[in-house]
Structure formats: C-alpha cells, structure tokens
Amino acid sequence: MSNDKDNSRIYLEGQSPEPHKWEPADKYLEEYEHPLIKNYKPPARKGQAIRGHGGQTTKTPINWHRLIEALREDKMPDWDVYDSVTSSVISPLTEASVAANSKLIEFPDFTKGKWKTRLPLYK
C-alpha cells in the first residue's frame, strides 16, 4: 500500500534546487507540516481498523478526536455550524456551476457578514 506522500511533488520558487522543476515534496511536507498534525498522537484504537474513511487505519482521524476532546472538556470545537455549512455547500455550488457551463455561482455568506468581526478560535 502506498503512502499519500509518495507521489507528492512540488516546486517552490526560490527554494527548489532547480528552476521550474518539480521535486519530491517529502522534505517540505515534513518542514511545513502544521504543529497540530505533527504533534497528533492519538491513543491506540482497539479492534478493527476504521473503514469507509479513506483506508484501513487504526488511527482515529484528528477531526473526530478533536471534536470529542472539545465536547468532553466543554470547549468550543475547531469549527462551528457556519464552518460546517460552508464546507458542505462547495460540492452543490460546483455542480451548479458545471451544469451552467462554468457560470460563476455566488457563494452564500451564511454568517451575514459576521465572519469579518469573528474572533479567531486560537489566539
């Protein structure tokens, strides 16, 4: 079974060793990996691998783990209802655009402009 990173290639202007030549992304993926992901060490799961979510892993997906952790600690999760509906509307809007010969489809602002003054989840 191949690793997702095996086929990752990248070119970074001013950083890649050869101009305009793609190179393996491994070193950059490691260097620029978000600390949340880099430090994610979930407890081992007992029993079967998690099926139906991209593989036969026994590692709990980080978004599941962080949601349960937030609920247990009575904290705000990493996302709210506005984040959820925003991510959920991308596919239907894309389908509508494709069906209309790539017509621009306005993206709804579910927050009615409140995203502009919303406090960040992490400070």
PDB file of N, CA and C in Angstrom:
ATOM      1  N   MET A   1       0.851  -1.170   0.000  1.00  0.00           N
ATOM      2  CA  MET A   1       0.000   0.000   0.000  1.00  0.00           C
ATOM      3  C   MET A   1       0.899   1.236   0.000  1.00  0.00           C
ATOM      4  N   SER A   2       0.538   2.225  -0.835  1.00  0.00           N
ATOM      5  CA  SER A   2       1.392   3.401  -0.933  1.00  0.00           C
ATOM      6  C   SER A   2       0.953   4.484   0.042  1.00  0.00           C
ATOM      7  N   ASN A   3       1.886   5.288   0.416  1.00  0.00           N
ATOM      8  CA  ASN A   3       1.655   6.416   1.301  1.00  0.00           C
ATOM      9  C   ASN A   3       1.167   7.588   0.459  1.00  0.00           C
ATOM     10  N   ASP A   4       0.253   8.416   0.988  1.00  0.00           N
ATOM     11  CA  ASP A   4      -0.245   9.581   0.255  1.00  0.00           C
ATOM     12  C   ASP A   4       0.898  10.490  -0.170  1.00  0.00           C
ATOM     13  N   LYS A   5       1.945  10.540   0.638  1.00  0.00           N
ATOM     14  CA  LYS A   5       3.054  11.437   0.354  1.00  0.00           C
ATOM     15  C   LYS A   5       3.974  10.898  -0.745  1.00  0.00           C
ATOM     16  N   ASP A   6       3.875   9.612  -1.089  1.00  0.00           N
ATOM     17  CA  ASP A   6       4.790   9.000  -2.052  1.00  0.00           C
ATOM     18  C   ASP A   6       4.794   9.711  -3.398  1.00  0.00           C
ATOM     19  N   ASN A   7       3.649  10.128  -3.864  1.00  0.00           N
ATOM     20  CA  ASN A   7       3.541  10.718  -5.188  1.00  0.00           C
ATOM     21  C   ASN A   7       3.443  12.234  -5.157  1.00  0.00           C
ATOM     22  N   SER A   8       3.626  12.841  -4.015  1.00  0.00           N
ATOM     23  CA  SER A   8       3.531  14.282  -3.896  1.00  0.00           C
ATOM     24  C   SER A   8       4.780  14.937  -4.467  1.00  0.00           C
ATOM     25  N   ARG A   9       4.553  15.890  -5.348  1.00  0.00           N
ATOM     26  CA  ARG A   9       5.657  16.625  -5.942  1.00  0.00           C
ATOM     27  C   ARG A   9       5.334  18.106  -5.829  1.00  0.00           C
ATOM     28  N   ILE A  10       6.387  18.927  -5.779  1.00  0.00           N
ATOM     29  CA  ILE A  10       6.176  20.353  -5.557  1.00  0.00           C
ATOM     30  C   ILE A  10       7.298  21.148  -6.222  1.00  0.00           C
ATOM     31  N   TYR A  11       6.999  22.371  -6.560  1.00  0.00           N
ATOM     32  CA  TYR A  11       8.022  23.320  -6.979  1.00  0.00           C
ATOM     33  C   TYR A  11       7.791  24.598  -6.193  1.00  0.00           C
ATOM     34  N   LEU A  12       8.797  25.053  -5.460  1.00  0.00           N
ATOM     35  CA  LEU A  12       8.706  26.289  -4.690  1.00  0.00           C
ATOM     36  C   LEU A  12       9.712  27.280  -5.250  1.00  0.00           C
ATOM     37  N   GLU A  13       9.192  28.339  -5.845  1.00  0.00           N
ATOM     38  CA  GLU A  13      10.073  29.352  -6.428  1.00  0.00           C
ATOM     39  C   GLU A  13      11.001  29.920  -5.354  1.00  0.00           C
ATOM     40  N   GLY A  14      12.275  29.927  -5.669  1.00  0.00           N
ATOM     41  CA  GLY A  14      13.260  30.456  -4.735  1.00  0.00           C
ATOM     42  C   GLY A  14      13.735  29.446  -3.701  1.00  0.00           C
ATOM     43  N   GLN A  15      13.099  28.267  -3.656  1.00  0.00           N
ATOM     44  CA  GLN A  15      13.516  27.249  -2.688  1.00  0.00           C
ATOM     45  C   GLN A  15      13.906  25.940  -3.355  1.00  0.00           C
ATOM     46  N   SER A  16      13.192  25.569  -4.399  1.00  0.00           N
ATOM     47  CA  SER A  16      13.526  24.321  -5.092  1.00  0.00           C
ATOM     48  C   SER A  16      14.902  24.460  -5.731  1.00  0.00           C
ATOM     49  N   PRO A  17      15.688  23.369  -5.723  1.00  0.00           N
ATOM     50  CA  PRO A  17      17.072  23.449  -6.204  1.00  0.00           C
ATOM     51  C   PRO A  17      17.203  23.796  -7.690  1.00  0.00           C
ATOM     52  N   GLU A  18      16.236  23.363  -8.512  1.00  0.00           N
ATOM     53  CA  GLU A  18      16.318  23.642  -9.950  1.00  0.00           C
ATOM     54  C   GLU A  18      15.114  24.466 -10.373  1.00  0.00           C
ATOM     55  N   PRO A  19      15.344  25.557 -11.123  1.00  0.00           N
ATOM     56  CA  PRO A  19      14.222  26.405 -11.542  1.00  0.00           C
ATOM     57  C   PRO A  19      13.182  25.634 -12.360  1.00  0.00           C
ATOM     58  N   HIS A  20      11.943  25.811 -12.005  1.00  0.00           N
ATOM     59  CA  HIS A  20      10.787  25.264 -12.721  1.00  0.00           C
ATOM     60  C   HIS A  20      10.824  23.742 -12.873  1.00  0.00           C
ATOM     61  N   LYS A  21      11.443  23.063 -11.913  1.00  0.00           N
ATOM     62  CA  LYS A  21      11.461  21.597 -11.952  1.00  0.00           C
ATOM     63  C   LYS A  21      10.824  21.066 -10.674  1.00  0.00           C
ATOM     64  N   TRP A  22       9.808  20.218 -10.856  1.00  0.00           N
ATOM     65  CA  TRP A  22       9.117  19.605  -9.720  1.00  0.00           C
ATOM     66  C   TRP A  22      10.054  18.629  -9.034  1.00  0.00           C
ATOM     67  N   GLU A  23       9.896  18.537  -7.721  1.00  0.00           N
ATOM     68  CA  GLU A  23      10.736  17.637  -6.933  1.00  0.00           C
ATOM     69  C   GLU A  23       9.855  16.920  -5.910  1.00  0.00           C
ATOM     70  N   PRO A  24      10.352  15.840  -5.301  1.00  0.00           N
ATOM     71  CA  PRO A  24       9.563  15.181  -4.253  1.00  0.00           C
ATOM     72  C   PRO A  24       9.262  16.169  -3.128  1.00  0.00           C
ATOM     73  N   ALA A  25       8.044  16.132  -2.633  1.00  0.00           N
ATOM     74  CA  ALA A  25       7.591  17.096  -1.630  1.00  0.00           C
ATOM     75  C   ALA A  25       7.894  16.673  -0.201  1.00  0.00           C
ATOM     76  N   ASP A  26       8.416  15.474  -0.010  1.00  0.00           N
ATOM     77  CA  ASP A  26       8.591  14.928   1.340  1.00  0.00           C
ATOM     78  C   ASP A  26       9.249  15.894   2.321  1.00  0.00           C
ATOM     79  N   LYS A  27      10.393  16.470   1.945  1.00  0.00           N
ATOM     80  CA  LYS A  27      11.095  17.335   2.895  1.00  0.00           C
ATOM     81  C   LYS A  27      10.280  18.579   3.232  1.00  0.00           C
ATOM     82  N   TYR A  28       9.522  19.089   2.270  1.00  0.00           N
ATOM     83  CA  TYR A  28       8.699  20.269   2.528  1.00  0.00           C
ATOM     84  C   TYR A  28       7.468  19.907   3.360  1.00  0.00           C
ATOM     85  N   LEU A  29       6.899  18.739   3.072  1.00  0.00           N
ATOM     86  CA  LEU A  29       5.744  18.296   3.853  1.00  0.00           C
ATOM     87  C   LEU A  29       6.119  18.159   5.319  1.00  0.00           C
ATOM     88  N   GLU A  30       7.292  17.643   5.562  1.00  0.00           N
ATOM     89  CA  GLU A  30       7.754  17.494   6.940  1.00  0.00           C
ATOM     90  C   GLU A  30       8.063  18.859   7.565  1.00  0.00           C
ATOM     91  N   GLU A  31       8.762  19.716   6.804  1.00  0.00           N
ATOM     92  CA  GLU A  31       9.163  21.024   7.330  1.00  0.00           C
ATOM     93  C   GLU A  31       7.965  21.934   7.612  1.00  0.00           C
ATOM     94  N   TYR A  32       6.975  21.917   6.725  1.00  0.00           N
ATOM     95  CA  TYR A  32       5.855  22.842   6.839  1.00  0.00           C
ATOM     96  C   TYR A  32       4.588  22.223   7.427  1.00  0.00           C
ATOM     97  N   GLU A  33       4.683  20.997   7.891  1.00  0.00           N
ATOM     98  CA  GLU A  33       3.512  20.352   8.487  1.00  0.00           C
ATOM     99  C   GLU A  33       3.042  21.150   9.702  1.00  0.00           C
ATOM    100  N   HIS A  34       1.747  21.344   9.783  1.00  0.00           N
ATOM    101  CA  HIS A  34       1.182  22.130  10.881  1.00  0.00           C
ATOM    102  C   HIS A  34       1.487  21.436  12.212  1.00  0.00           C
ATOM    103  N   PRO A  35       1.831  22.212  13.246  1.00  0.00           N
ATOM    104  CA  PRO A  35       2.145  21.608  14.546  1.00  0.00           C
ATOM    105  C   PRO A  35       1.014  20.743  15.103  1.00  0.00           C
ATOM    106  N   LEU A  36      -0.226  21.111  14.824  1.00  0.00           N
ATOM    107  CA  LEU A  36      -1.356  20.292  15.286  1.00  0.00           C
ATOM    108  C   LEU A  36      -1.268  18.879  14.731  1.00  0.00           C
ATOM    109  N   ILE A  37      -0.954  18.779  13.451  1.00  0.00           N
ATOM    110  CA  ILE A  37      -0.848  17.469  12.799  1.00  0.00           C
ATOM    111  C   ILE A  37       0.430  16.765  13.248  1.00  0.00           C
ATOM    112  N   LYS A  38       1.514  17.522  13.282  1.00  0.00           N
ATOM    113  CA  LYS A  38       2.811  16.944  13.643  1.00  0.00           C
ATOM    114  C   LYS A  38       2.776  16.339  15.047  1.00  0.00           C
ATOM    115  N   ASN A  39       2.065  16.976  15.961  1.00  0.00           N
ATOM    116  CA  ASN A  39       2.035  16.525  17.349  1.00  0.00           C
ATOM    117  C   ASN A  39       0.839  15.628  17.678  1.00  0.00           C
ATOM    118  N   TYR A  40       0.093  15.231  16.667  1.00  0.00           N
ATOM    119  CA  TYR A  40      -1.092  14.411  16.893  1.00  0.00           C
ATOM    120  C   TYR A  40      -0.692  12.970  17.165  1.00  0.00           C
ATOM    121  N   LYS A  41      -0.897  12.557  18.391  1.00  0.00           N
ATOM    122  CA  LYS A  41      -0.564  11.190  18.817  1.00  0.00           C
ATOM    123  C   LYS A  41      -1.790  10.602  19.516  1.00  0.00           C
ATOM    124  N   PRO A  42      -2.774  10.141  18.739  1.00  0.00           N
ATOM    125  CA  PRO A  42      -3.990   9.628  19.368  1.00  0.00           C
ATOM    126  C   PRO A  42      -3.726   8.310  20.091  1.00  0.00           C
ATOM    127  N   PRO A  43      -4.551   8.029  21.080  1.00  0.00           N
ATOM    128  CA  PRO A  43      -4.401   6.733  21.740  1.00  0.00           C
ATOM    129  C   PRO A  43      -4.699   5.613  20.744  1.00  0.00           C
ATOM    130  N   ALA A  44      -4.054   4.488  20.942  1.00  0.00           N
ATOM    131  CA  ALA A  44      -4.267   3.348  20.043  1.00  0.00           C
ATOM    132  C   ALA A  44      -5.713   2.871  20.153  1.00  0.00           C
ATOM    133  N   ARG A  45      -6.308   2.565  19.010  1.00  0.00           N
ATOM    134  CA  ARG A  45      -7.673   2.037  18.988  1.00  0.00           C
ATOM    135  C   ARG A  45      -7.612   0.528  19.136  1.00  0.00           C
ATOM    136  N   LYS A  46      -8.585  -0.017  19.826  1.00  0.00           N
ATOM    137  CA  LYS A  46      -8.658  -1.463  19.980  1.00  0.00           C
ATOM    138  C   LYS A  46      -9.595  -2.009  18.910  1.00  0.00           C
ATOM    139  N   GLY A  47      -9.284  -3.182  18.432  1.00  0.00           N
ATOM    140  CA  GLY A  47     -10.188  -3.826  17.482  1.00  0.00           C
ATOM    141  C   GLY A  47      -9.865  -3.487  16.038  1.00  0.00           C
ATOM    142  N   GLN A  48     -10.924  -3.459  15.225  1.00  0.00           N
ATOM    143  CA  GLN A  48     -10.780  -3.301  13.786  1.00  0.00           C
ATOM    144  C   GLN A  48     -10.344  -1.902  13.380  1.00  0.00           C
ATOM    145  N   ALA A  49      -9.830  -1.844  12.152  1.00  0.00           N
ATOM    146  CA  ALA A  49      -9.482  -0.565  11.561  1.00  0.00           C
ATOM    147  C   ALA A  49     -10.761   0.207  11.257  1.00  0.00           C
ATOM    148  N   ILE A  50     -10.628   1.518  11.146  1.00  0.00           N
ATOM    149  CA  ILE A  50     -11.769   2.366  10.783  1.00  0.00           C
ATOM    150  C   ILE A  50     -11.981   2.203   9.292  1.00  0.00           C
ATOM    151  N   ARG A  51     -13.168   1.791   8.893  1.00  0.00           N
ATOM    152  CA  ARG A  51     -13.435   1.572   7.477  1.00  0.00           C
ATOM    153  C   ARG A  51     -14.332   2.677   6.944  1.00  0.00           C
ATOM    154  N   GLY A  52     -14.223   2.924   5.631  1.00  0.00           N
ATOM    155  CA  GLY A  52     -15.112   3.861   4.974  1.00  0.00           C
ATOM    156  C   GLY A  52     -14.641   5.304   4.995  1.00  0.00           C
ATOM    157  N   HIS A  53     -13.463   5.559   5.512  1.00  0.00           N
ATOM    158  CA  HIS A  53     -12.977   6.937   5.548  1.00  0.00           C
ATOM    159  C   HIS A  53     -11.541   7.017   5.041  1.00  0.00           C
ATOM    160  N   GLY A  54     -11.291   6.378   3.902  1.00  0.00           N
ATOM    161  CA  GLY A  54     -10.006   6.545   3.246  1.00  0.00           C
ATOM    162  C   GLY A  54      -8.921   5.554   3.609  1.00  0.00           C
ATOM    163  N   GLY A  55      -9.275   4.398   4.064  1.00  0.00           N
ATOM    164  CA  GLY A  55      -8.222   3.418   4.297  1.00  0.00           C
ATOM    165  C   GLY A  55      -8.503   2.497   5.454  1.00  0.00           C
ATOM    166  N   GLN A  56      -7.513   1.734   5.778  1.00  0.00           N
ATOM    167  CA  GLN A  56      -7.620   0.733   6.835  1.00  0.00           C
ATOM    168  C   GLN A  56      -6.798   1.153   8.047  1.00  0.00           C
ATOM    169  N   THR A  57      -6.961   2.380   8.458  1.00  0.00           N
ATOM    170  CA  THR A  57      -6.169   2.890   9.568  1.00  0.00           C
ATOM    171  C   THR A  57      -6.803   2.557  10.915  1.00  0.00           C
ATOM    172  N   THR A  58      -5.974   2.434  11.907  1.00  0.00           N
ATOM    173  CA  THR A  58      -6.475   2.264  13.272  1.00  0.00           C
ATOM    174  C   THR A  58      -6.287   3.571  14.048  1.00  0.00           C
ATOM    175  N   LYS A  59      -5.779   4.601  13.364  1.00  0.00           N
ATOM    176  CA  LYS A  59      -5.565   5.903  13.975  1.00  0.00           C
ATOM    177  C   LYS A  59      -6.852   6.731  13.811  1.00  0.00           C
ATOM    178  N   THR A  60      -7.397   7.194  14.912  1.00  0.00           N
ATOM    179  CA  THR A  60      -8.617   7.989  14.857  1.00  0.00           C
ATOM    180  C   THR A  60      -8.343   9.280  14.095  1.00  0.00           C
ATOM    181  N   PRO A  61      -9.189   9.634  13.115  1.00  0.00           N
ATOM    182  CA  PRO A  61      -8.986  10.894  12.383  1.00  0.00           C
ATOM    183  C   PRO A  61      -8.937  12.073  13.352  1.00  0.00           C
ATOM    184  N   ILE A  62      -8.044  12.992  13.079  1.00  0.00           N
ATOM    185  CA  ILE A  62      -7.803  14.099  14.001  1.00  0.00           C
ATOM    186  C   ILE A  62      -9.058  14.936  14.241  1.00  0.00           C
ATOM    187  N   ASN A  63      -9.873  15.135  13.199  1.00  0.00           N
ATOM    188  CA  ASN A  63     -11.077  15.954  13.409  1.00  0.00           C
ATOM    189  C   ASN A  63     -12.062  15.264  14.348  1.00  0.00           C
ATOM    190  N   TRP A  64     -12.168  13.944  14.290  1.00  0.00           N
ATOM    191  CA  TRP A  64     -13.033  13.221  15.222  1.00  0.00           C
ATOM    192  C   TRP A  64     -12.483  13.361  16.638  1.00  0.00           C
ATOM    193  N   HIS A  65     -11.185  13.118  16.767  1.00  0.00           N
ATOM    194  CA  HIS A  65     -10.535  13.165  18.070  1.00  0.00           C
ATOM    195  C   HIS A  65     -10.686  14.542  18.722  1.00  0.00           C
ATOM    196  N   ARG A  66     -10.433  15.601  17.938  1.00  0.00           N
ATOM    197  CA  ARG A  66     -10.506  16.955  18.485  1.00  0.00           C
ATOM    198  C   ARG A  66     -11.934  17.351  18.835  1.00  0.00           C
ATOM    199  N   LEU A  67     -12.924  16.877  18.069  1.00  0.00           N
ATOM    200  CA  LEU A  67     -14.319  17.170  18.391  1.00  0.00           C
ATOM    201  C   LEU A  67     -14.696  16.518  19.723  1.00  0.00           C
ATOM    202  N   ILE A  68     -14.403  15.244  19.867  1.00  0.00           N
ATOM    203  CA  ILE A  68     -14.734  14.531  21.106  1.00  0.00           C
ATOM    204  C   ILE A  68     -13.998  15.156  22.288  1.00  0.00           C
ATOM    205  N   GLU A  69     -12.731  15.501  22.086  1.00  0.00           N
ATOM    206  CA  GLU A  69     -11.943  16.136  23.141  1.00  0.00           C
ATOM    207  C   GLU A  69     -12.591  17.464  23.572  1.00  0.00           C
ATOM    208  N   ALA A  70     -13.020  18.271  22.617  1.00  0.00           N
ATOM    209  CA  ALA A  70     -13.656  19.555  22.939  1.00  0.00           C
ATOM    210  C   ALA A  70     -14.970  19.342  23.687  1.00  0.00           C
ATOM    211  N   LEU A  71     -15.756  18.373  23.236  1.00  0.00           N
ATOM    212  CA  LEU A  71     -17.034  18.102  23.904  1.00  0.00           C
ATOM    213  C   LEU A  71     -16.822  17.619  25.336  1.00  0.00           C
ATOM    214  N   ARG A  72     -15.840  16.753  25.522  1.00  0.00           N
ATOM    215  CA  ARG A  72     -15.557  16.251  26.873  1.00  0.00           C
ATOM    216  C   ARG A  72     -15.075  17.351  27.809  1.00  0.00           C
ATOM    217  N   GLU A  73     -14.351  18.321  27.260  1.00  0.00           N
ATOM    218  CA  GLU A  73     -13.781  19.389  28.079  1.00  0.00           C
ATOM    219  C   GLU A  73     -14.662  20.638  28.085  1.00  0.00           C
ATOM    220  N   ASP A  74     -15.857  20.533  27.489  1.00  0.00           N
ATOM    221  CA  ASP A  74     -16.799  21.646  27.413  1.00  0.00           C
ATOM    222  C   ASP A  74     -16.153  22.886  26.791  1.00  0.00           C
ATOM    223  N   LYS A  75     -15.435  22.668  25.682  1.00  0.00           N
ATOM    224  CA  LYS A  75     -14.771  23.741  24.951  1.00  0.00           C
ATOM    225  C   LYS A  75     -15.405  23.878  23.571  1.00  0.00           C
ATOM    226  N   MET A  76     -15.150  25.004  22.938  1.00  0.00           N
ATOM    227  CA  MET A  76     -15.621  25.229  21.572  1.00  0.00           C
ATOM    228  C   MET A  76     -14.835  24.316  20.631  1.00  0.00           C
ATOM    229  N   PRO A  77     -15.514  23.574  19.747  1.00  0.00           N
ATOM    230  CA  PRO A  77     -14.790  22.746  18.773  1.00  0.00           C
ATOM    231  C   PRO A  77     -14.018  23.626  17.782  1.00  0.00           C
ATOM    232  N   ASP A  78     -13.202  22.999  16.960  1.00  0.00           N
ATOM    233  CA  ASP A  78     -12.407  23.726  15.967  1.00  0.00           C
ATOM    234  C   ASP A  78     -13.271  24.379  14.899  1.00  0.00           C
ATOM    235  N   TRP A  79     -14.509  23.949  14.754  1.00  0.00           N
ATOM    236  CA  TRP A  79     -15.409  24.509  13.748  1.00  0.00           C
ATOM    237  C   TRP A  79     -16.780  24.705  14.371  1.00  0.00           C
ATOM    238  N   ASP A  80     -17.543  25.573  13.740  1.00  0.00           N
ATOM    239  CA  ASP A  80     -18.899  25.804  14.219  1.00  0.00           C
ATOM    240  C   ASP A  80     -19.880  25.487  13.094  1.00  0.00           C
ATOM    241  N   VAL A  81     -21.143  25.780  13.303  1.00  0.00           N
ATOM    242  CA  VAL A  81     -22.166  25.456  12.309  1.00  0.00           C
ATOM    243  C   VAL A  81     -21.910  26.193  10.999  1.00  0.00           C
ATOM    244  N   TYR A  82     -21.372  27.409  11.074  1.00  0.00           N
ATOM    245  CA  TYR A  82     -21.091  28.159   9.852  1.00  0.00           C
ATOM    246  C   TYR A  82     -19.970  27.506   9.052  1.00  0.00           C
ATOM    247  N   ASP A  83     -18.948  27.014   9.737  1.00  0.00           N
ATOM    248  CA  ASP A  83     -17.887  26.280   9.045  1.00  0.00           C
ATOM    249  C   ASP A  83     -18.449  25.028   8.385  1.00  0.00           C
ATOM    250  N   SER A  84     -19.342  24.350   9.082  1.00  0.00           N
ATOM    251  CA  SER A  84     -19.926  23.114   8.559  1.00  0.00           C
ATOM    252  C   SER A  84     -20.740  23.355   7.302  1.00  0.00           C
ATOM    253  N   VAL A  85     -21.635  24.357   7.326  1.00  0.00           N
ATOM    254  CA  VAL A  85     -22.454  24.592   6.140  1.00  0.00           C
ATOM    255  C   VAL A  85     -21.621  25.162   5.002  1.00  0.00           C
ATOM    256  N   THR A  86     -20.605  25.935   5.329  1.00  0.00           N
ATOM    257  CA  THR A  86     -19.727  26.471   4.286  1.00  0.00           C
ATOM    258  C   THR A  86     -19.013  25.341   3.560  1.00  0.00           C
ATOM    259  N   SER A  87     -18.465  24.383   4.297  1.00  0.00           N
ATOM    260  CA  SER A  87     -17.779  23.273   3.642  1.00  0.00           C
ATOM    261  C   SER A  87     -18.753  22.351   2.922  1.00  0.00           C
ATOM    262  N   SER A  88     -19.979  22.272   3.408  1.00  0.00           N
ATOM    263  CA  SER A  88     -20.970  21.387   2.790  1.00  0.00           C
ATOM    264  C   SER A  88     -21.545  21.930   1.487  1.00  0.00           C
ATOM    265  N   VAL A  89     -21.459  23.221   1.280  1.00  0.00           N
ATOM    266  CA  VAL A  89     -22.083  23.811   0.100  1.00  0.00           C
ATOM    267  C   VAL A  89     -21.157  23.825  -1.122  1.00  0.00           C
ATOM    268  N   ILE A  90     -19.890  23.521  -0.937  1.00  0.00           N
ATOM    269  CA  ILE A  90     -18.932  23.589  -2.044  1.00  0.00           C
ATOM    270  C   ILE A  90     -19.319  22.656  -3.189  1.00  0.00           C
ATOM    271  N   SER A  91     -19.633  21.397  -2.891  1.00  0.00           N
ATOM    272  CA  SER A  91     -19.980  20.447  -3.961  1.00  0.00           C
ATOM    273  C   SER A  91     -21.235  20.856  -4.719  1.00  0.00           C
ATOM    274  N   PRO A  92     -22.347  21.189  -4.043  1.00  0.00           N
ATOM    275  CA  PRO A  92     -23.530  21.595  -4.808  1.00  0.00           C
ATOM    276  C   PRO A  92     -23.304  22.856  -5.656  1.00  0.00           C
ATOM    277  N   LEU A  93     -22.532  23.804  -5.151  1.00  0.00           N
ATOM    278  CA  LEU A  93     -22.254  25.008  -5.936  1.00  0.00           C
ATOM    279  C   LEU A  93     -21.384  24.677  -7.151  1.00  0.00           C
ATOM    280  N   THR A  94     -20.433  23.778  -6.960  1.00  0.00           N
ATOM    281  CA  THR A  94     -19.594  23.347  -8.077  1.00  0.00           C
ATOM    282  C   THR A  94     -20.436  22.650  -9.135  1.00  0.00           C
ATOM    283  N   GLU A  95     -21.328  21.766  -8.702  1.00  0.00           N
ATOM    284  CA  GLU A  95     -22.207  21.067  -9.639  1.00  0.00           C
ATOM    285  C   GLU A  95     -23.089  22.052 -10.398  1.00  0.00           C
ATOM    286  N   ALA A  96     -23.615  23.056  -9.704  1.00  0.00           N
ATOM    287  CA  ALA A  96     -24.462  24.066 -10.361  1.00  0.00           C
ATOM    288  C   ALA A  96     -23.649  24.860 -11.373  1.00  0.00           C
ATOM    289  N   SER A  97     -22.412  25.190 -11.048  1.00  0.00           N
ATOM    290  CA  SER A  97     -21.554  25.923 -11.967  1.00  0.00           C
ATOM    291  C   SER A  97     -21.240  25.092 -13.212  1.00  0.00           C
ATOM    292  N   VAL A  98     -20.882  23.832 -13.005  1.00  0.00           N
ATOM    293  CA  VAL A  98     -20.576  22.945 -14.135  1.00  0.00           C
ATOM    294  C   VAL A  98     -21.807  22.770 -15.027  1.00  0.00           C
ATOM    295  N   ALA A  99     -22.968  22.573 -14.412  1.00  0.00           N
ATOM    296  CA  ALA A  99     -24.205  22.396 -15.184  1.00  0.00           C
ATOM    297  C   ALA A  99     -24.551  23.646 -15.993  1.00  0.00           C
ATOM    298  N   ALA A 100     -24.067  24.795 -15.556  1.00  0.00           N
ATOM    299  CA  ALA A 100     -24.340  26.054 -16.252  1.00  0.00           C
ATOM    300  C   ALA A 100     -23.125  26.503 -17.073  1.00  0.00           C
ATOM    301  N   ASN A 101     -22.360  25.543 -17.593  1.00  0.00           N
ATOM    302  CA  ASN A 101     -21.180  25.837 -18.411  1.00  0.00           C
ATOM    303  C   ASN A 101     -20.166  26.735 -17.702  1.00  0.00           C
ATOM    304  N   SER A 102     -19.851  26.396 -16.484  1.00  0.00           N
ATOM    305  CA  SER A 102     -18.851  27.091 -15.664  1.00  0.00           C
ATOM    306  C   SER A 102     -19.247  28.514 -15.283  1.00  0.00           C
ATOM    307  N   LYS A 103     -20.547  28.757 -15.242  1.00  0.00           N
ATOM    308  CA  LYS A 103     -21.035  30.071 -14.817  1.00  0.00           C
ATOM    309  C   LYS A 103     -20.625  30.313 -13.361  1.00  0.00           C
ATOM    310  N   LEU A 104     -20.277  31.561 -13.071  1.00  0.00           N
ATOM    311  CA  LEU A 104     -19.931  31.938 -11.711  1.00  0.00           C
ATOM    312  C   LEU A 104     -21.173  31.814 -10.834  1.00  0.00           C
ATOM    313  N   ILE A 105     -21.043  31.108  -9.732  1.00  0.00           N
ATOM    314  CA  ILE A 105     -22.138  30.941  -8.785  1.00  0.00           C
ATOM    315  C   ILE A 105     -21.751  31.675  -7.511  1.00  0.00           C
ATOM    316  N   GLU A 106     -22.599  32.562  -7.055  1.00  0.00           N
ATOM    317  CA  GLU A 106     -22.298  33.315  -5.856  1.00  0.00           C
ATOM    318  C   GLU A 106     -22.263  32.389  -4.644  1.00  0.00           C
ATOM    319  N   PHE A 107     -21.231  32.562  -3.832  1.00  0.00           N
ATOM    320  CA  PHE A 107     -21.072  31.751  -2.629  1.00  0.00           C
ATOM    321  C   PHE A 107     -21.858  32.415  -1.506  1.00  0.00           C
ATOM    322  N   PRO A 108     -22.769  31.697  -0.876  1.00  0.00           N
ATOM    323  CA  PRO A 108     -23.585  32.318   0.172  1.00  0.00           C
ATOM    324  C   PRO A 108     -22.767  32.659   1.419  1.00  0.00           C
ATOM    325  N   ASP A 109     -23.083  33.788   2.022  1.00  0.00           N
ATOM    326  CA  ASP A 109     -22.457  34.175   3.283  1.00  0.00           C
ATOM    327  C   ASP A 109     -23.428  33.811   4.386  1.00  0.00           C
ATOM    328  N   PHE A 110     -23.242  32.642   4.952  1.00  0.00           N
ATOM    329  CA  PHE A 110     -24.146  32.147   5.984  1.00  0.00           C
ATOM    330  C   PHE A 110     -24.077  32.965   7.274  1.00  0.00           C
ATOM    331  N   THR A 111     -22.981  33.710   7.452  1.00  0.00           N
ATOM    332  CA  THR A 111     -22.822  34.497   8.678  1.00  0.00           C
ATOM    333  C   THR A 111     -23.413  35.899   8.543  1.00  0.00           C
ATOM    334  N   LYS A 112     -23.861  36.244   7.344  1.00  0.00           N
ATOM    335  CA  LYS A 112     -24.395  37.590   7.072  1.00  0.00           C
ATOM    336  C   LYS A 112     -23.376  38.665   7.450  1.00  0.00           C
ATOM    337  N   GLY A 113     -22.128  38.431   7.083  1.00  0.00           N
ATOM    338  CA  GLY A 113     -21.063  39.399   7.297  1.00  0.00           C
ATOM    339  C   GLY A 113     -20.364  39.317   8.646  1.00  0.00           C
ATOM    340  N   LYS A 114     -20.875  38.495   9.542  1.00  0.00           N
ATOM    341  CA  LYS A 114     -20.272  38.423  10.881  1.00  0.00           C
ATOM    342  C   LYS A 114     -18.883  37.785  10.878  1.00  0.00           C
ATOM    343  N   TRP A 115     -18.501  37.096   9.802  1.00  0.00           N
ATOM    344  CA  TRP A 115     -17.179  36.490   9.730  1.00  0.00           C
ATOM    345  C   TRP A 115     -16.088  37.559   9.796  1.00  0.00           C
ATOM    346  N   LYS A 116     -16.425  38.782   9.392  1.00  0.00           N
ATOM    347  CA  LYS A 116     -15.424  39.854   9.375  1.00  0.00           C
ATOM    348  C   LYS A 116     -14.985  40.261  10.776  1.00  0.00           C
ATOM    349  N   THR A 117     -15.854  40.096  11.759  1.00  0.00           N
ATOM    350  CA  THR A 117     -15.526  40.525  13.122  1.00  0.00           C
ATOM    351  C   THR A 117     -15.433  39.350  14.093  1.00  0.00           C
ATOM    352  N   ARG A 118     -15.517  38.155  13.572  1.00  0.00           N
ATOM    353  CA  ARG A 118     -15.466  36.955  14.407  1.00  0.00           C
ATOM    354  C   ARG A 118     -14.089  36.791  15.043  1.00  0.00           C
ATOM    355  N   LEU A 119     -14.076  36.470  16.297  1.00  0.00           N
ATOM    356  CA  LEU A 119     -12.809  36.222  16.991  1.00  0.00           C
ATOM    357  C   LEU A 119     -12.213  34.900  16.516  1.00  0.00           C
ATOM    358  N   PRO A 120     -10.888  34.830  16.413  1.00  0.00           N
ATOM    359  CA  PRO A 120     -10.260  33.569  15.998  1.00  0.00           C
ATOM    360  C   PRO A 120     -10.455  32.508  17.071  1.00  0.00           C
ATOM    361  N   LEU A 121     -10.480  31.253  16.628  1.00  0.00           N
ATOM    362  CA  LEU A 121     -10.609  30.153  17.584  1.00  0.00           C
ATOM    363  C   LEU A 121      -9.368  30.029  18.438  1.00  0.00           C
ATOM    364  N   TYR A 122      -8.214  30.322  17.844  1.00  0.00           N
ATOM    365  CA  TYR A 122      -6.946  30.214  18.571  1.00  0.00           C
ATOM    366  C   TYR A 122      -6.267  31.565  18.552  1.00  0.00           C
ATOM    367  N   LYS A 123      -5.718  31.942  19.682  1.00  0.00           N
ATOM    368  CA  LYS A 123      -5.016  33.231  19.749  1.00  0.00           C
ATOM    369  C   LYS A 123      -3.538  33.006  19.864  1.00  0.00           C
TER     370      LYS A 123
END
